[in-house]
Amino acid sequence: MEYIGAVQAAVTAAEFDREPSTAELDAIELEMPVITAEVELLDAQIITLDRPASELDARRIRRAGRKVLAARRDLANQSAAVSMPGVGA
């Protein structure tokens, strides 16, 4: 019988047990407005799961959807400005 404990230790990476790096935290911080807007849209959609959507619910979902699109647009514009300094703006 072959002992696989040592093989398993070599295969199991300790990388998964680490904290996020500064670059990863910065990326999350940059995407936070999009994440927040998507959570707001999801909340608005969840409200309508157990009952028919009223006009107020429909407006809430449309507003949250527009907020998601605006946040994604702003993120894309920020990313483009960072990747191409001196162009545009």
Protein backbone atom coordinates (compact mmCIF):
# COMPACT_ATOMS: atom_id res chain seq x y z
CA MET A 1 0.00 0.00 0.00
CA GLU A 2 1.30 3.40 -0.93
CA TYR A 3 1.23 6.30 1.55
CA ILE A 4 -0.42 9.31 -0.13
CA GLY A 5 -0.13 11.84 2.70
CA ALA A 6 3.08 13.34 1.35
CA VAL A 7 1.67 13.47 -2.18
CA GLN A 8 -1.42 15.27 -0.96
CA ALA A 9 0.65 17.87 0.88
CA ALA A 10 2.59 18.57 -2.31
CA VAL A 11 -0.61 18.96 -4.35
CA THR A 12 -2.50 21.09 -1.85
CA ALA A 13 -1.47 24.66 -2.40
CA ALA A 14 -1.14 27.03 0.52
CA GLU A 15 -2.03 29.88 -1.87
CA PHE A 16 -5.75 29.41 -1.17
CA ASP A 17 -5.24 30.19 2.50
CA ARG A 18 -3.84 33.65 1.90
CA GLU A 19 -5.38 37.08 2.31
CA PRO A 20 -6.17 39.24 -0.74
CA SER A 21 -3.27 41.26 -2.04
CA THR A 22 -3.28 45.04 -2.14
CA ALA A 23 -3.86 44.95 -5.91
CA GLU A 24 -6.87 42.65 -5.46
CA LEU A 25 -8.32 44.90 -2.76
CA ASP A 26 -7.80 47.93 -5.01
CA ALA A 27 -9.63 46.16 -7.84
CA ILE A 28 -12.53 45.34 -5.53
CA GLU A 29 -12.63 48.95 -4.33
CA LEU A 30 -12.71 50.15 -7.94
CA GLU A 31 -15.60 47.81 -8.77
CA MET A 32 -17.56 48.53 -5.57
CA PRO A 33 -20.07 50.97 -7.18
CA VAL A 34 -20.97 48.29 -9.74
CA ILE A 35 -21.29 45.64 -7.03
CA THR A 36 -23.51 47.90 -4.93
CA ALA A 37 -25.72 48.77 -7.90
CA GLU A 38 -26.09 45.10 -8.83
CA VAL A 39 -27.08 44.22 -5.26
CA GLU A 40 -29.69 46.99 -5.34
CA LEU A 41 -31.09 45.62 -8.61
CA LEU A 42 -31.16 42.11 -7.19
CA ASP A 43 -32.99 43.36 -4.09
CA ALA A 44 -35.59 45.09 -6.29
CA GLN A 45 -36.09 41.89 -8.28
CA ILE A 46 -36.35 39.73 -5.15
CA ILE A 47 -39.14 41.93 -3.82
CA THR A 48 -41.30 41.00 -6.80
CA LEU A 49 -40.78 37.23 -6.55
CA ASP A 50 -43.69 36.48 -4.23
CA ARG A 51 -46.22 38.98 -5.57
CA PRO A 52 -47.14 40.67 -8.82
CA ALA A 53 -44.99 43.69 -9.61
CA SER A 54 -46.73 46.98 -8.97
CA GLU A 55 -45.94 50.17 -10.87
CA LEU A 56 -43.69 51.22 -7.98
CA ASP A 57 -41.81 47.91 -8.18
CA ALA A 58 -41.37 48.30 -11.94
CA ARG A 59 -39.98 51.82 -11.45
CA ARG A 60 -37.65 50.58 -8.72
CA ILE A 61 -36.32 47.82 -11.01
CA ARG A 62 -35.88 50.23 -13.95
CA ARG A 63 -34.08 52.76 -11.75
CA ALA A 64 -31.80 50.08 -10.31
CA GLY A 65 -31.10 48.77 -13.83
CA ARG A 66 -30.13 52.26 -15.00
CA LYS A 67 -27.88 52.61 -11.96
CA VAL A 68 -26.11 49.34 -12.86
CA LEU A 69 -25.58 50.50 -16.44
CA ALA A 70 -24.25 53.88 -15.28
CA ALA A 71 -21.88 52.24 -12.79
CA ARG A 72 -20.58 49.84 -15.46
CA ARG A 73 -20.12 52.75 -17.88
CA ASP A 74 -18.19 54.73 -15.29
CA LEU A 75 -16.01 51.72 -14.49
CA ALA A 76 -15.29 51.16 -18.19
CA ASN A 77 -14.41 54.82 -18.62
CA GLN A 78 -12.10 54.71 -15.59
CA SER A 79 -10.41 51.58 -16.90
CA ALA A 80 -9.93 53.14 -20.32
CA ALA A 81 -8.49 56.31 -18.76
CA VAL A 82 -6.05 54.27 -16.68
CA SER A 83 -4.95 52.08 -19.58
CA MET A 84 -4.50 55.00 -22.00
CA PRO A 85 -3.11 57.98 -20.04
CA GLY A 86 -2.97 61.22 -21.95
CA VAL A 87 -5.63 60.14 -24.49
CA GLY A 88 -9.07 61.71 -24.33
CA ALA A 89 -10.19 63.66 -21.24
